[in-house]
Amino acid sequence: MVNHQRRLDVVFGALADPTRRAILHRLQGRGGATVTEVADLFPVSLPAVSRHVKVLERAGLIRRRVEGRVHWLTLRAEPLEDVVDWVSHYRRFWNARLAALEHELVGGQAARGRKR
């Protein structure tokens, strides 16, 4: 459980930055890109993009393949399954709460309608 929680923390930390989310979106859309292609999308330096890439790699969200001097990046969506599982737990919680609220509201309206 602790290991799973730690992995989830690392993934959420990586996803917390809008530049890193944009990098993932870019990789998802084309199936991969070089670090230079990714860096060209942002108004920041190549070293700054490289730091973002390293965070995404540590989270397991991207894979880097080196061919000579070219670094190819591809999306690894598997760690996002932990995020989906975590969010789904809370979705079920809130769906149950909202269903109970709806039941109370509809029941209350019906009761008020009978009193008239």
PDB file of N, CA and C in Angstrom:
ATOM      1  N   MET A   1       0.830  -1.199   0.000  1.00  0.00           N
ATOM      2  CA  MET A   1       0.000   0.000   0.000  1.00  0.00           C
ATOM      3  C   MET A   1       0.869   1.255   0.000  1.00  0.00           C
ATOM      4  N   VAL A   2       1.910   1.267   0.827  1.00  0.00           N
ATOM      5  CA  VAL A   2       2.777   2.442   0.900  1.00  0.00           C
ATOM      6  C   VAL A   2       3.472   2.666  -0.435  1.00  0.00           C
ATOM      7  N   ASN A   3       3.951   1.592  -1.056  1.00  0.00           N
ATOM      8  CA  ASN A   3       4.619   1.701  -2.354  1.00  0.00           C
ATOM      9  C   ASN A   3       3.661   2.240  -3.410  1.00  0.00           C
ATOM     10  N   HIS A   4       2.443   1.747  -3.404  1.00  0.00           N
ATOM     11  CA  HIS A   4       1.421   2.215  -4.346  1.00  0.00           C
ATOM     12  C   HIS A   4       1.151   3.703  -4.113  1.00  0.00           C
ATOM     13  N   GLN A   5       1.027   4.090  -2.848  1.00  0.00           N
ATOM     14  CA  GLN A   5       0.767   5.487  -2.514  1.00  0.00           C
ATOM     15  C   GLN A   5       1.931   6.371  -2.951  1.00  0.00           C
ATOM     16  N   ARG A   6       3.129   5.885  -2.782  1.00  0.00           N
ATOM     17  CA  ARG A   6       4.313   6.662  -3.191  1.00  0.00           C
ATOM     18  C   ARG A   6       4.334   6.860  -4.708  1.00  0.00           C
ATOM     19  N   ARG A   7       4.013   5.797  -5.466  1.00  0.00           N
ATOM     20  CA  ARG A   7       3.944   5.912  -6.931  1.00  0.00           C
ATOM     21  C   ARG A   7       2.884   6.929  -7.336  1.00  0.00           C
ATOM     22  N   LEU A   8       1.751   6.877  -6.667  1.00  0.00           N
ATOM     23  CA  LEU A   8       0.670   7.815  -6.956  1.00  0.00           C
ATOM     24  C   LEU A   8       1.110   9.246  -6.662  1.00  0.00           C
ATOM     25  N   ASP A   9       1.829   9.450  -5.557  1.00  0.00           N
ATOM     26  CA  ASP A   9       2.341  10.779  -5.219  1.00  0.00           C
ATOM     27  C   ASP A   9       3.280  11.309  -6.295  1.00  0.00           C
ATOM     28  N   VAL A  10       4.138  10.436  -6.806  1.00  0.00           N
ATOM     29  CA  VAL A  10       5.098  10.840  -7.838  1.00  0.00           C
ATOM     30  C   VAL A  10       4.365  11.207  -9.128  1.00  0.00           C
ATOM     31  N   VAL A  11       3.363  10.417  -9.490  1.00  0.00           N
ATOM     32  CA  VAL A  11       2.597  10.703 -10.718  1.00  0.00           C
ATOM     33  C   VAL A  11       1.826  12.013 -10.564  1.00  0.00           C
ATOM     34  N   PHE A  12       1.148  12.196  -9.431  1.00  0.00           N
ATOM     35  CA  PHE A  12       0.426  13.453  -9.215  1.00  0.00           C
ATOM     36  C   PHE A  12       1.388  14.644  -9.211  1.00  0.00           C
ATOM     37  N   GLY A  13       2.563  14.461  -8.631  1.00  0.00           N
ATOM     38  CA  GLY A  13       3.553  15.538  -8.640  1.00  0.00           C
ATOM     39  C   GLY A  13       3.966  15.905 -10.053  1.00  0.00           C
ATOM     40  N   ALA A  14       4.146  14.896 -10.888  1.00  0.00           N
ATOM     41  CA  ALA A  14       4.518  15.156 -12.283  1.00  0.00           C
ATOM     42  C   ALA A  14       3.384  15.844 -13.035  1.00  0.00           C
ATOM     43  N   LEU A  15       2.160  15.459 -12.742  1.00  0.00           N
ATOM     44  CA  LEU A  15       1.004  16.030 -13.431  1.00  0.00           C
ATOM     45  C   LEU A  15       0.639  17.424 -12.918  1.00  0.00           C
ATOM     46  N   ALA A  16       1.226  17.827 -11.812  1.00  0.00           N
ATOM     47  CA  ALA A  16       0.876  19.119 -11.204  1.00  0.00           C
ATOM     48  C   ALA A  16       1.308  20.313 -12.044  1.00  0.00           C
ATOM     49  N   ASP A  17       2.276  20.120 -12.903  1.00  0.00           N
ATOM     50  CA  ASP A  17       2.803  21.234 -13.693  1.00  0.00           C
ATOM     51  C   ASP A  17       2.140  21.276 -15.074  1.00  0.00           C
ATOM     52  N   PRO A  18       1.640  22.456 -15.483  1.00  0.00           N
ATOM     53  CA  PRO A  18       0.968  22.547 -16.784  1.00  0.00           C
ATOM     54  C   PRO A  18       1.888  22.262 -17.968  1.00  0.00           C
ATOM     55  N   THR A  19       3.160  22.577 -17.858  1.00  0.00           N
ATOM     56  CA  THR A  19       4.090  22.279 -18.958  1.00  0.00           C
ATOM     57  C   THR A  19       4.235  20.773 -19.129  1.00  0.00           C
ATOM     58  N   ARG A  20       4.336  20.062 -18.019  1.00  0.00           N
ATOM     59  CA  ARG A  20       4.463  18.603 -18.115  1.00  0.00           C
ATOM     60  C   ARG A  20       3.190  17.972 -18.665  1.00  0.00           C
ATOM     61  N   ARG A  21       2.031  18.496 -18.271  1.00  0.00           N
ATOM     62  CA  ARG A  21       0.780  17.975 -18.843  1.00  0.00           C
ATOM     63  C   ARG A  21       0.727  18.251 -20.344  1.00  0.00           C
ATOM     64  N   ALA A  22       1.215  19.405 -20.757  1.00  0.00           N
ATOM     65  CA  ALA A  22       1.246  19.742 -22.190  1.00  0.00           C
ATOM     66  C   ALA A  22       2.200  18.814 -22.940  1.00  0.00           C
ATOM     67  N   ILE A  23       3.304  18.471 -22.328  1.00  0.00           N
ATOM     68  CA  ILE A  23       4.248  17.529 -22.957  1.00  0.00           C
ATOM     69  C   ILE A  23       3.559  16.187 -23.166  1.00  0.00           C
ATOM     70  N   LEU A  24       2.864  15.693 -22.138  1.00  0.00           N
ATOM     71  CA  LEU A  24       2.152  14.417 -22.268  1.00  0.00           C
ATOM     72  C   LEU A  24       1.097  14.487 -23.367  1.00  0.00           C
ATOM     73  N   HIS A  25       0.389  15.595 -23.417  1.00  0.00           N
ATOM     74  CA  HIS A  25      -0.631  15.768 -24.453  1.00  0.00           C
ATOM     75  C   HIS A  25      -0.001  15.720 -25.846  1.00  0.00           C
ATOM     76  N   ARG A  26       1.113  16.365 -25.985  1.00  0.00           N
ATOM     77  CA  ARG A  26       1.835  16.386 -27.280  1.00  0.00           C
ATOM     78  C   ARG A  26       2.269  14.981 -27.675  1.00  0.00           C
ATOM     79  N   LEU A  27       2.783  14.233 -26.717  1.00  0.00           N
ATOM     80  CA  LEU A  27       3.251  12.875 -27.014  1.00  0.00           C
ATOM     81  C   LEU A  27       2.080  11.947 -27.318  1.00  0.00           C
ATOM     82  N   GLN A  28       0.981  12.154 -26.674  1.00  0.00           N
ATOM     83  CA  GLN A  28      -0.196  11.320 -26.905  1.00  0.00           C
ATOM     84  C   GLN A  28      -0.745  11.559 -28.300  1.00  0.00           C
ATOM     85  N   GLY A  29      -0.705  12.780 -28.736  1.00  0.00           N
ATOM     86  CA  GLY A  29      -1.282  13.125 -30.022  1.00  0.00           C
ATOM     87  C   GLY A  29      -0.556  12.559 -31.222  1.00  0.00           C
ATOM     88  N   ARG A  30       0.762  12.407 -31.111  1.00  0.00           N
ATOM     89  CA  ARG A  30       1.531  11.954 -32.281  1.00  0.00           C
ATOM     90  C   ARG A  30       2.209  10.614 -32.063  1.00  0.00           C
ATOM     91  N   GLY A  31       2.119  10.083 -30.896  1.00  0.00           N
ATOM     92  CA  GLY A  31       2.753   8.806 -30.644  1.00  0.00           C
ATOM     93  C   GLY A  31       4.227   8.922 -30.301  1.00  0.00           C
ATOM     94  N   GLY A  32       4.745  10.120 -30.199  1.00  0.00           N
ATOM     95  CA  GLY A  32       6.132  10.316 -29.825  1.00  0.00           C
ATOM     96  C   GLY A  32       6.718  11.538 -30.495  1.00  0.00           C
ATOM     97  N   ALA A  33       7.838  11.984 -29.959  1.00  0.00           N
ATOM     98  CA  ALA A  33       8.527  13.154 -30.502  1.00  0.00           C
ATOM     99  C   ALA A  33       9.935  13.192 -29.917  1.00  0.00           C
ATOM    100  N   THR A  34      10.789  13.980 -30.534  1.00  0.00           N
ATOM    101  CA  THR A  34      12.126  14.177 -29.975  1.00  0.00           C
ATOM    102  C   THR A  34      12.042  15.257 -28.892  1.00  0.00           C
ATOM    103  N   VAL A  35      13.044  15.294 -28.029  1.00  0.00           N
ATOM    104  CA  VAL A  35      13.098  16.315 -26.996  1.00  0.00           C
ATOM    105  C   VAL A  35      13.127  17.693 -27.643  1.00  0.00           C
ATOM    106  N   THR A  36      13.859  17.834 -28.732  1.00  0.00           N
ATOM    107  CA  THR A  36      13.942  19.121 -29.421  1.00  0.00           C
ATOM    108  C   THR A  36      12.582  19.537 -29.972  1.00  0.00           C
ATOM    109  N   GLU A  37      11.836  18.609 -30.558  1.00  0.00           N
ATOM    110  CA  GLU A  37      10.492  18.920 -31.055  1.00  0.00           C
ATOM    111  C   GLU A  37       9.583  19.376 -29.925  1.00  0.00           C
ATOM    112  N   VAL A  38       9.683  18.709 -28.804  1.00  0.00           N
ATOM    113  CA  VAL A  38       8.876  19.090 -27.649  1.00  0.00           C
ATOM    114  C   VAL A  38       9.288  20.468 -27.156  1.00  0.00           C
ATOM    115  N   ALA A  39      10.592  20.706 -27.065  1.00  0.00           N
ATOM    116  CA  ALA A  39      11.092  21.987 -26.562  1.00  0.00           C
ATOM    117  C   ALA A  39      10.656  23.150 -27.449  1.00  0.00           C
ATOM    118  N   ASP A  40      10.529  22.905 -28.741  1.00  0.00           N
ATOM    119  CA  ASP A  40      10.118  23.965 -29.664  1.00  0.00           C
ATOM    120  C   ASP A  40       8.699  24.473 -29.391  1.00  0.00           C
ATOM    121  N   LEU A  41       7.920  23.719 -28.645  1.00  0.00           N
ATOM    122  CA  LEU A  41       6.540  24.106 -28.347  1.00  0.00           C
ATOM    123  C   LEU A  41       6.427  25.110 -27.209  1.00  0.00           C
ATOM    124  N   PHE A  42       7.494  25.284 -26.449  1.00  0.00           N
ATOM    125  CA  PHE A  42       7.414  26.082 -25.228  1.00  0.00           C
ATOM    126  C   PHE A  42       8.396  27.252 -25.244  1.00  0.00           C
ATOM    127  N   PRO A  43       8.009  28.353 -24.608  1.00  0.00           N
ATOM    128  CA  PRO A  43       8.889  29.523 -24.551  1.00  0.00           C
ATOM    129  C   PRO A  43       9.900  29.427 -23.403  1.00  0.00           C
ATOM    130  N   VAL A  44      10.473  28.252 -23.240  1.00  0.00           N
ATOM    131  CA  VAL A  44      11.494  28.039 -22.208  1.00  0.00           C
ATOM    132  C   VAL A  44      12.702  27.382 -22.853  1.00  0.00           C
ATOM    133  N   SER A  45      13.789  27.345 -22.121  1.00  0.00           N
ATOM    134  CA  SER A  45      15.029  26.797 -22.666  1.00  0.00           C
ATOM    135  C   SER A  45      14.964  25.272 -22.791  1.00  0.00           C
ATOM    136  N   LEU A  46      15.834  24.728 -23.621  1.00  0.00           N
ATOM    137  CA  LEU A  46      15.947  23.279 -23.775  1.00  0.00           C
ATOM    138  C   LEU A  46      16.292  22.614 -22.436  1.00  0.00           C
ATOM    139  N   PRO A  47      17.229  23.180 -21.634  1.00  0.00           N
ATOM    140  CA  PRO A  47      17.495  22.573 -20.325  1.00  0.00           C
ATOM    141  C   PRO A  47      16.259  22.540 -19.415  1.00  0.00           C
ATOM    142  N   ALA A  48      15.415  23.570 -19.498  1.00  0.00           N
ATOM    143  CA  ALA A  48      14.193  23.577 -18.685  1.00  0.00           C
ATOM    144  C   ALA A  48      13.254  22.459 -19.125  1.00  0.00           C
ATOM    145  N   VAL A  49      13.116  22.274 -20.415  1.00  0.00           N
ATOM    146  CA  VAL A  49      12.272  21.184 -20.923  1.00  0.00           C
ATOM    147  C   VAL A  49      12.876  19.842 -20.528  1.00  0.00           C
ATOM    148  N   SER A  50      14.187  19.728 -20.580  1.00  0.00           N
ATOM    149  CA  SER A  50      14.856  18.484 -20.175  1.00  0.00           C
ATOM    150  C   SER A  50      14.565  18.148 -18.718  1.00  0.00           C
ATOM    151  N   ARG A  51      14.511  19.157 -17.868  1.00  0.00           N
ATOM    152  CA  ARG A  51      14.175  18.914 -16.453  1.00  0.00           C
ATOM    153  C   ARG A  51      12.738  18.393 -16.332  1.00  0.00           C
ATOM    154  N   HIS A  52      11.825  18.967 -17.092  1.00  0.00           N
ATOM    155  CA  HIS A  52      10.442  18.478 -17.082  1.00  0.00           C
ATOM    156  C   HIS A  52      10.381  17.029 -17.570  1.00  0.00           C
ATOM    157  N   VAL A  53      11.141  16.737 -18.614  1.00  0.00           N
ATOM    158  CA  VAL A  53      11.173  15.374 -19.158  1.00  0.00           C
ATOM    159  C   VAL A  53      11.679  14.399 -18.096  1.00  0.00           C
ATOM    160  N   LYS A  54      12.695  14.774 -17.350  1.00  0.00           N
ATOM    161  CA  LYS A  54      13.233  13.897 -16.299  1.00  0.00           C
ATOM    162  C   LYS A  54      12.191  13.617 -15.221  1.00  0.00           C
ATOM    163  N   VAL A  55      11.409  14.623 -14.846  1.00  0.00           N
ATOM    164  CA  VAL A  55      10.347  14.415 -13.860  1.00  0.00           C
ATOM    165  C   VAL A  55       9.323  13.416 -14.404  1.00  0.00           C
ATOM    166  N   LEU A  56       8.950  13.575 -15.658  1.00  0.00           N
ATOM    167  CA  LEU A  56       7.993  12.655 -16.281  1.00  0.00           C
ATOM    168  C   LEU A  56       8.560  11.242 -16.388  1.00  0.00           C
ATOM    169  N   GLU A  57       9.856  11.142 -16.662  1.00  0.00           N
ATOM    170  CA  GLU A  57      10.497   9.824 -16.709  1.00  0.00           C
ATOM    171  C   GLU A  57      10.475   9.157 -15.342  1.00  0.00           C
ATOM    172  N   ARG A  58      10.834   9.913 -14.297  1.00  0.00           N
ATOM    173  CA  ARG A  58      10.844   9.351 -12.939  1.00  0.00           C
ATOM    174  C   ARG A  58       9.452   8.860 -12.537  1.00  0.00           C
ATOM    175  N   ALA A  59       8.425   9.538 -13.024  1.00  0.00           N
ATOM    176  CA  ALA A  59       7.050   9.123 -12.725  1.00  0.00           C
ATOM    177  C   ALA A  59       6.609   7.947 -13.592  1.00  0.00           C
ATOM    178  N   GLY A  60       7.430   7.585 -14.559  1.00  0.00           N
ATOM    179  CA  GLY A  60       7.094   6.471 -15.444  1.00  0.00           C
ATOM    180  C   GLY A  60       6.107   6.841 -16.531  1.00  0.00           C
ATOM    181  N   LEU A  61       5.876   8.143 -16.729  1.00  0.00           N
ATOM    182  CA  LEU A  61       4.882   8.588 -17.701  1.00  0.00           C
ATOM    183  C   LEU A  61       5.419   8.696 -19.119  1.00  0.00           C
ATOM    184  N   ILE A  62       6.731   8.741 -19.265  1.00  0.00           N
ATOM    185  CA  ILE A  62       7.322   8.735 -20.605  1.00  0.00           C
ATOM    186  C   ILE A  62       8.521   7.807 -20.624  1.00  0.00           C
ATOM    187  N   ARG A  63       8.848   7.383 -21.821  1.00  0.00           N
ATOM    188  CA  ARG A  63      10.027   6.537 -22.054  1.00  0.00           C
ATOM    189  C   ARG A  63      10.914   7.289 -23.031  1.00  0.00           C
ATOM    190  N   ARG A  64      12.215   7.255 -22.772  1.00  0.00           N
ATOM    191  CA  ARG A  64      13.181   7.910 -23.645  1.00  0.00           C
ATOM    192  C   ARG A  64      14.002   6.831 -24.350  1.00  0.00           C
ATOM    193  N   ARG A  65      14.142   7.005 -25.663  1.00  0.00           N
ATOM    194  CA  ARG A  65      14.986   6.113 -26.466  1.00  0.00           C
ATOM    195  C   ARG A  65      16.031   6.992 -27.138  1.00  0.00           C
ATOM    196  N   VAL A  66      17.288   6.638 -26.969  1.00  0.00           N
ATOM    197  CA  VAL A  66      18.377   7.442 -27.517  1.00  0.00           C
ATOM    198  C   VAL A  66      18.909   6.777 -28.779  1.00  0.00           C
ATOM    199  N   GLU A  67      18.932   7.559 -29.856  1.00  0.00           N
ATOM    200  CA  GLU A  67      19.525   7.118 -31.124  1.00  0.00           C
ATOM    201  C   GLU A  67      20.586   8.150 -31.492  1.00  0.00           C
ATOM    202  N   GLY A  68      21.825   7.841 -31.193  1.00  0.00           N
ATOM    203  CA  GLY A  68      22.902   8.814 -31.421  1.00  0.00           C
ATOM    204  C   GLY A  68      22.694  10.011 -30.515  1.00  0.00           C
ATOM    205  N   ARG A  69      22.521  11.178 -31.123  1.00  0.00           N
ATOM    206  CA  ARG A  69      22.297  12.398 -30.328  1.00  0.00           C
ATOM    207  C   ARG A  69      20.820  12.757 -30.199  1.00  0.00           C
ATOM    208  N   VAL A  70      19.967  11.962 -30.815  1.00  0.00           N
ATOM    209  CA  VAL A  70      18.537  12.247 -30.804  1.00  0.00           C
ATOM    210  C   VAL A  70      17.868  11.444 -29.692  1.00  0.00           C
ATOM    211  N   HIS A  71      17.108  12.150 -28.866  1.00  0.00           N
ATOM    212  CA  HIS A  71      16.372  11.525 -27.770  1.00  0.00           C
ATOM    213  C   HIS A  71      14.889  11.512 -28.124  1.00  0.00           C
ATOM    214  N   TRP A  72      14.353  10.315 -28.320  1.00  0.00           N
ATOM    215  CA  TRP A  72      12.949  10.135 -28.674  1.00  0.00           C
ATOM    216  C   TRP A  72      12.144   9.886 -27.406  1.00  0.00           C
ATOM    217  N   LEU A  73      10.991  10.526 -27.313  1.00  0.00           N
ATOM    218  CA  LEU A  73      10.114  10.375 -26.161  1.00  0.00           C
ATOM    219  C   LEU A  73       8.795   9.760 -26.598  1.00  0.00           C
ATOM    220  N   THR A  74       8.302   8.832 -25.802  1.00  0.00           N
ATOM    221  CA  THR A  74       6.977   8.259 -26.035  1.00  0.00           C
ATOM    222  C   THR A  74       6.201   8.248 -24.721  1.00  0.00           C
ATOM    223  N   LEU A  75       4.910   8.350 -24.836  1.00  0.00           N
ATOM    224  CA  LEU A  75       4.028   8.344 -23.680  1.00  0.00           C
ATOM    225  C   LEU A  75       3.894   6.933 -23.139  1.00  0.00           C
ATOM    226  N   ARG A  76       3.901   6.811 -21.822  1.00  0.00           N
ATOM    227  CA  ARG A  76       3.587   5.558 -21.131  1.00  0.00           C
ATOM    228  C   ARG A  76       2.378   5.851 -20.248  1.00  0.00           C
ATOM    229  N   ALA A  77       1.218   5.447 -20.665  1.00  0.00           N
ATOM    230  CA  ALA A  77      -0.010   5.794 -19.954  1.00  0.00           C
ATOM    231  C   ALA A  77      -0.310   4.879 -18.765  1.00  0.00           C
ATOM    232  N   GLU A  78       0.412   3.787 -18.617  1.00  0.00           N
ATOM    233  CA  GLU A  78       0.115   2.815 -17.561  1.00  0.00           C
ATOM    234  C   GLU A  78       0.058   3.441 -16.168  1.00  0.00           C
ATOM    235  N   PRO A  79       0.989   4.335 -15.792  1.00  0.00           N
ATOM    236  CA  PRO A  79       0.898   4.926 -14.450  1.00  0.00           C
ATOM    237  C   PRO A  79      -0.369   5.751 -14.237  1.00  0.00           C
ATOM    238  N   LEU A  80      -0.991   6.189 -15.309  1.00  0.00           N
ATOM    239  CA  LEU A  80      -2.235   6.948 -15.172  1.00  0.00           C
ATOM    240  C   LEU A  80      -3.390   6.058 -14.703  1.00  0.00           C
ATOM    241  N   GLU A  81      -3.237   4.735 -14.841  1.00  0.00           N
ATOM    242  CA  GLU A  81      -4.266   3.820 -14.357  1.00  0.00           C
ATOM    243  C   GLU A  81      -4.426   3.947 -12.846  1.00  0.00           C
ATOM    244  N   ASP A  82      -3.314   4.172 -12.121  1.00  0.00           N
ATOM    245  CA  ASP A  82      -3.393   4.381 -10.675  1.00  0.00           C
ATOM    246  C   ASP A  82      -4.194   5.641 -10.361  1.00  0.00           C
ATOM    247  N   VAL A  83      -4.008   6.678 -11.172  1.00  0.00           N
ATOM    248  CA  VAL A  83      -4.750   7.929 -10.982  1.00  0.00           C
ATOM    249  C   VAL A  83      -6.232   7.696 -11.238  1.00  0.00           C
ATOM    250  N   VAL A  84      -6.543   6.977 -12.305  1.00  0.00           N
ATOM    251  CA  VAL A  84      -7.940   6.683 -12.634  1.00  0.00           C
ATOM    252  C   VAL A  84      -8.593   5.889 -11.503  1.00  0.00           C
ATOM    253  N   ASP A  85      -7.883   4.902 -10.965  1.00  0.00           N
ATOM    254  CA  ASP A  85      -8.424   4.111  -9.853  1.00  0.00           C
ATOM    255  C   ASP A  85      -8.697   4.990  -8.641  1.00  0.00           C
ATOM    256  N   TRP A  86      -7.770   5.883  -8.336  1.00  0.00           N
ATOM    257  CA  TRP A  86      -7.915   6.758  -7.180  1.00  0.00           C
ATOM    258  C   TRP A  86      -9.114   7.691  -7.371  1.00  0.00           C
ATOM    259  N   VAL A  87      -9.211   8.299  -8.541  1.00  0.00           N
ATOM    260  CA  VAL A  87     -10.312   9.218  -8.826  1.00  0.00           C
ATOM    261  C   VAL A  87     -11.643   8.460  -8.850  1.00  0.00           C
ATOM    262  N   SER A  88     -11.647   7.246  -9.385  1.00  0.00           N
ATOM    263  CA  SER A  88     -12.878   6.455  -9.459  1.00  0.00           C
ATOM    264  C   SER A  88     -13.446   6.173  -8.070  1.00  0.00           C
ATOM    265  N   HIS A  89     -12.562   5.940  -7.115  1.00  0.00           N
ATOM    266  CA  HIS A  89     -13.001   5.713  -5.738  1.00  0.00           C
ATOM    267  C   HIS A  89     -13.824   6.913  -5.258  1.00  0.00           C
ATOM    268  N   TYR A  90     -13.333   8.116  -5.488  1.00  0.00           N
ATOM    269  CA  TYR A  90     -14.037   9.319  -5.052  1.00  0.00           C
ATOM    270  C   TYR A  90     -15.255   9.616  -5.922  1.00  0.00           C
ATOM    271  N   ARG A  91     -15.209   9.235  -7.168  1.00  0.00           N
ATOM    272  CA  ARG A  91     -16.383   9.393  -8.028  1.00  0.00           C
ATOM    273  C   ARG A  91     -17.524   8.542  -7.495  1.00  0.00           C
ATOM    274  N   ARG A  92     -17.233   7.308  -7.120  1.00  0.00           N
ATOM    275  CA  ARG A  92     -18.275   6.436  -6.555  1.00  0.00           C
ATOM    276  C   ARG A  92     -18.833   7.044  -5.267  1.00  0.00           C
ATOM    277  N   PHE A  93     -17.947   7.571  -4.427  1.00  0.00           N
ATOM    278  CA  PHE A  93     -18.371   8.214  -3.177  1.00  0.00           C
ATOM    279  C   PHE A  93     -19.339   9.359  -3.459  1.00  0.00           C
ATOM    280  N   TRP A  94     -18.946  10.255  -4.379  1.00  0.00           N
ATOM    281  CA  TRP A  94     -19.793  11.417  -4.662  1.00  0.00           C
ATOM    282  C   TRP A  94     -21.059  11.028  -5.406  1.00  0.00           C
ATOM    283  N   ASN A  95     -21.002  10.051  -6.269  1.00  0.00           N
ATOM    284  CA  ASN A  95     -22.219   9.599  -6.949  1.00  0.00           C
ATOM    285  C   ASN A  95     -23.231   9.067  -5.938  1.00  0.00           C
ATOM    286  N   ALA A  96     -22.737   8.323  -4.948  1.00  0.00           N
ATOM    287  CA  ALA A  96     -23.636   7.805  -3.911  1.00  0.00           C
ATOM    288  C   ALA A  96     -24.231   8.953  -3.100  1.00  0.00           C
ATOM    289  N   ARG A  97     -23.416   9.936  -2.757  1.00  0.00           N
ATOM    290  CA  ARG A  97     -23.911  11.089  -2.000  1.00  0.00           C
ATOM    291  C   ARG A  97     -24.950  11.877  -2.804  1.00  0.00           C
ATOM    292  N   LEU A  98     -24.668  12.100  -4.066  1.00  0.00           N
ATOM    293  CA  LEU A  98     -25.598  12.856  -4.907  1.00  0.00           C
ATOM    294  C   LEU A  98     -26.902  12.086  -5.130  1.00  0.00           C
ATOM    295  N   ALA A  99     -26.814  10.774  -5.265  1.00  0.00           N
ATOM    296  CA  ALA A  99     -28.018   9.955  -5.419  1.00  0.00           C
ATOM    297  C   ALA A  99     -28.873  10.038  -4.156  1.00  0.00           C
ATOM    298  N   ALA A 100     -28.233  10.025  -2.987  1.00  0.00           N
ATOM    299  CA  ALA A 100     -28.971  10.141  -1.726  1.00  0.00           C
ATOM    300  C   ALA A 100     -29.626  11.512  -1.616  1.00  0.00           C
ATOM    301  N   LEU A 101     -28.909  12.549  -2.028  1.00  0.00           N
ATOM    302  CA  LEU A 101     -29.471  13.896  -2.006  1.00  0.00           C
ATOM    303  C   LEU A 101     -30.673  13.994  -2.950  1.00  0.00           C
ATOM    304  N   GLU A 102     -30.530  13.436  -4.136  1.00  0.00           N
ATOM    305  CA  GLU A 102     -31.631  13.454  -5.096  1.00  0.00           C
ATOM    306  C   GLU A 102     -32.848  12.727  -4.532  1.00  0.00           C
ATOM    307  N   HIS A 103     -32.591  11.595  -3.890  1.00  0.00           N
ATOM    308  CA  HIS A 103     -33.675  10.828  -3.279  1.00  0.00           C
ATOM    309  C   HIS A 103     -34.407  11.667  -2.228  1.00  0.00           C
ATOM    310  N   GLU A 104     -33.660  12.376  -1.407  1.00  0.00           N
ATOM    311  CA  GLU A 104     -34.260  13.233  -0.378  1.00  0.00           C
ATOM    312  C   GLU A 104     -35.041  14.380  -1.004  1.00  0.00           C
ATOM    313  N   LEU A 105     -34.470  14.987  -2.025  1.00  0.00           N
ATOM    314  CA  LEU A 105     -35.148  16.116  -2.663  1.00  0.00           C
ATOM    315  C   LEU A 105     -36.432  15.680  -3.351  1.00  0.00           C
ATOM    316  N   VAL A 106     -36.372  14.586  -4.094  1.00  0.00           N
ATOM    317  CA  VAL A 106     -37.559  14.085  -4.784  1.00  0.00           C
ATOM    318  C   VAL A 106     -38.590  13.622  -3.764  1.00  0.00           C
ATOM    319  N   GLY A 107     -38.139  12.946  -2.729  1.00  0.00           N
ATOM    320  CA  GLY A 107     -39.062  12.493  -1.666  1.00  0.00           C
ATOM    321  C   GLY A 107     -39.704  13.666  -0.951  1.00  0.00           C
ATOM    322  N   GLY A 108     -38.949  14.708  -0.715  1.00  0.00           N
ATOM    323  CA  GLY A 108     -39.472  15.914  -0.066  1.00  0.00           C
ATOM    324  C   GLY A 108     -40.502  16.610  -0.925  1.00  0.00           C
ATOM    325  N   GLN A 109     -40.241  16.672  -2.197  1.00  0.00           N
ATOM    326  CA  GLN A 109     -41.202  17.306  -3.115  1.00  0.00           C
ATOM    327  C   GLN A 109     -42.494  16.503  -3.172  1.00  0.00           C
ATOM    328  N   ALA A 110     -42.365  15.196  -3.192  1.00  0.00           N
ATOM    329  CA  ALA A 110     -43.560  14.340  -3.234  1.00  0.00           C
ATOM    330  C   ALA A 110     -44.374  14.521  -1.957  1.00  0.00           C
ATOM    331  N   ALA A 111     -43.685  14.600  -0.818  1.00  0.00           N
ATOM    332  CA  ALA A 111     -44.382  14.771   0.456  1.00  0.00           C
ATOM    333  C   ALA A 111     -45.098  16.125   0.505  1.00  0.00           C
ATOM    334  N   ARG A 112     -44.453  17.170   0.000  1.00  0.00           N
ATOM    335  CA  ARG A 112     -45.081  18.488  -0.031  1.00  0.00           C
ATOM    336  C   ARG A 112     -46.293  18.476  -0.970  1.00  0.00           C
ATOM    337  N   GLY A 113     -46.204  17.758  -2.061  1.00  0.00           N
ATOM    338  CA  GLY A 113     -47.298  17.666  -3.012  1.00  0.00           C
ATOM    339  C   GLY A 113     -48.512  16.962  -2.395  1.00  0.00           C
ATOM    340  N   ARG A 114     -48.303  15.984  -1.530  1.00  0.00           N
ATOM    341  CA  ARG A 114     -49.403  15.249  -0.887  1.00  0.00           C
ATOM    342  C   ARG A 114     -50.085  16.090   0.188  1.00  0.00           C
ATOM    343  N   LYS A 115     -49.346  17.029   0.781  1.00  0.00           N
ATOM    344  CA  LYS A 115     -49.915  17.853   1.854  1.00  0.00           C
ATOM    345  C   LYS A 115     -50.879  18.899   1.309  1.00  0.00           C
ATOM    346  N   ARG A 116     -50.818  19.222   0.061  1.00  0.00           N
ATOM    347  CA  ARG A 116     -51.680  20.266  -0.522  1.00  0.00           C
ATOM    348  C   ARG A 116     -53.071  19.811  -0.683  1.00  0.00           C
TER     349      ARG A 116
END
